[in-house]
Protein backbone atom coordinates (compact mmCIF):
# COMPACT_ATOMS: atom_id res chain seq x y z
CA UNK A 1 -49.97 -71.16 15.52
CA UNK A 2 -47.74 -70.98 18.92
CA UNK A 3 -49.74 -70.17 21.94
CA UNK A 4 -48.09 -67.61 24.57
CA UNK A 5 -46.98 -68.83 27.73
CA UNK A 6 -46.03 -66.76 30.36
CA UNK A 7 -42.36 -67.23 31.57
CA UNK A 8 -41.34 -68.39 35.15
CA UNK A 9 -40.59 -64.85 36.32
CA UNK A 10 -43.64 -63.12 35.34
CA UNK A 11 -45.76 -66.04 37.09
CA UNK A 12 -44.27 -64.82 40.45
CA UNK A 13 -44.98 -61.58 39.96
CA UNK A 14 -47.64 -60.41 42.24
CA UNK A 15 -51.01 -58.69 41.36
CA UNK A 16 -50.67 -55.24 42.71
CA UNK A 17 -54.48 -53.75 42.47
CA UNK A 18 -56.86 -54.40 45.13
CA UNK A 19 -60.61 -53.54 45.36
CA UNK A 20 -61.81 -51.42 48.47
CA UNK A 21 -63.12 -54.68 50.01
CA UNK A 22 -60.31 -56.20 49.95
CA UNK A 23 -58.39 -52.83 51.60
CA UNK A 24 -61.30 -52.82 54.08
CA UNK A 25 -60.81 -56.67 55.35
CA UNK A 26 -57.04 -55.96 55.78
CA UNK A 27 -57.77 -52.51 57.33
CA UNK A 28 -57.70 -53.78 61.05
CA UNK A 29 -54.78 -55.67 60.86
CA UNK A 30 -52.75 -52.76 58.93
CA UNK A 31 -54.10 -50.59 61.99
CA UNK A 32 -52.95 -52.42 64.49
CA UNK A 33 -49.45 -53.13 62.52
CA UNK A 34 -48.75 -49.70 61.82
CA UNK A 35 -50.83 -47.35 64.29
CA UNK A 36 -51.17 -49.72 67.44
CA UNK A 37 -47.65 -51.44 67.16
CA UNK A 38 -45.62 -48.48 65.61
CA UNK A 39 -44.45 -50.77 62.84
CA UNK A 40 -42.23 -49.25 60.03
CA UNK A 41 -44.35 -49.06 56.45
CA UNK A 42 -41.75 -51.77 55.33
CA UNK A 43 -42.36 -54.33 57.89
CA UNK A 44 -46.03 -53.66 57.50
CA UNK A 45 -45.51 -54.69 53.84
CA UNK A 46 -43.55 -57.72 54.90
CA UNK A 47 -46.43 -59.22 57.41
CA UNK A 48 -49.30 -58.25 54.62
CA UNK A 49 -47.00 -60.12 52.69
CA UNK A 50 -45.94 -63.41 54.04
CA UNK A 51 -48.93 -63.65 56.84
CA UNK A 52 -51.75 -62.38 54.86
CA UNK A 53 -50.78 -63.13 50.85
CA UNK A 54 -51.73 -59.29 50.39
CA UNK A 55 -48.78 -57.39 48.64
CA UNK A 56 -49.58 -53.66 47.96
CA UNK A 57 -46.86 -51.21 46.90
CA UNK A 58 -45.56 -48.95 49.52
CA UNK A 59 -47.44 -45.74 47.82
CA UNK A 60 -50.84 -48.14 47.96
CA UNK A 61 -50.43 -48.48 51.79
CA UNK A 62 -49.40 -44.42 52.13
CA UNK A 63 -52.50 -43.94 50.67
CA UNK A 64 -54.34 -45.88 52.79
CA UNK A 65 -52.76 -44.99 55.94
CA UNK A 66 -53.23 -41.13 55.13
CA UNK A 67 -56.74 -42.06 53.90
CA UNK A 68 -57.71 -43.94 57.35
CA UNK A 69 -56.04 -41.03 59.02
CA UNK A 70 -53.21 -44.11 60.34
CA UNK A 71 -50.82 -41.43 59.90
CA UNK A 72 -48.68 -41.15 62.92
CA UNK A 73 -47.12 -37.77 61.91
CA UNK A 74 -50.92 -36.50 61.97
CA UNK A 75 -51.12 -37.72 65.52
CA UNK A 76 -48.40 -35.76 66.88
CA UNK A 77 -49.47 -32.36 65.35
CA UNK A 78 -52.75 -33.13 66.77
CA UNK A 79 -51.48 -33.79 70.38
CA UNK A 80 -49.52 -30.81 69.66
CA UNK A 81 -52.42 -28.43 69.18
CA UNK A 82 -54.35 -30.52 71.97
CA UNK A 83 -51.27 -29.44 74.53
CA UNK A 84 -51.21 -26.12 73.36
CA UNK A 85 -55.06 -26.06 74.06
CA UNK A 86 -54.78 -26.88 77.59
CA UNK A 87 -51.91 -24.70 78.97
CA UNK A 88 -53.85 -21.94 77.63
CA UNK A 89 -56.96 -23.22 79.17
CA UNK A 90 -54.48 -23.81 82.29
CA UNK A 91 -53.34 -19.91 81.80
CA UNK A 92 -57.10 -18.76 82.08
CA UNK A 93 -57.42 -21.17 85.51
CA UNK A 94 -59.62 -23.76 83.29
CA UNK A 95 -59.49 -27.32 83.75
CA UNK A 96 -59.16 -29.44 80.18
CA UNK A 97 -60.17 -33.19 80.45
CA UNK A 98 -59.12 -34.94 77.20
């Protein structure tokens, strides 16, 4: 009976499933790269793979970014709401401090 020997190619394919704990361990670096340094999703994926041996798919990373409220588009919408509120309060003679 012959035993199965994986091809060299299949051994190079990284595991793409990570536990919640593994994600939480990478949360700080992902936050720093994506939100604080405004790096692209692809750049974050490259840094995670090269420097942290963490290789999620783009969809997995997007899901975590949304879950952790790191999505930059969302922050832009929040700022627009805040500016509108400040303008409305200014028109009423009220001071607004954020």
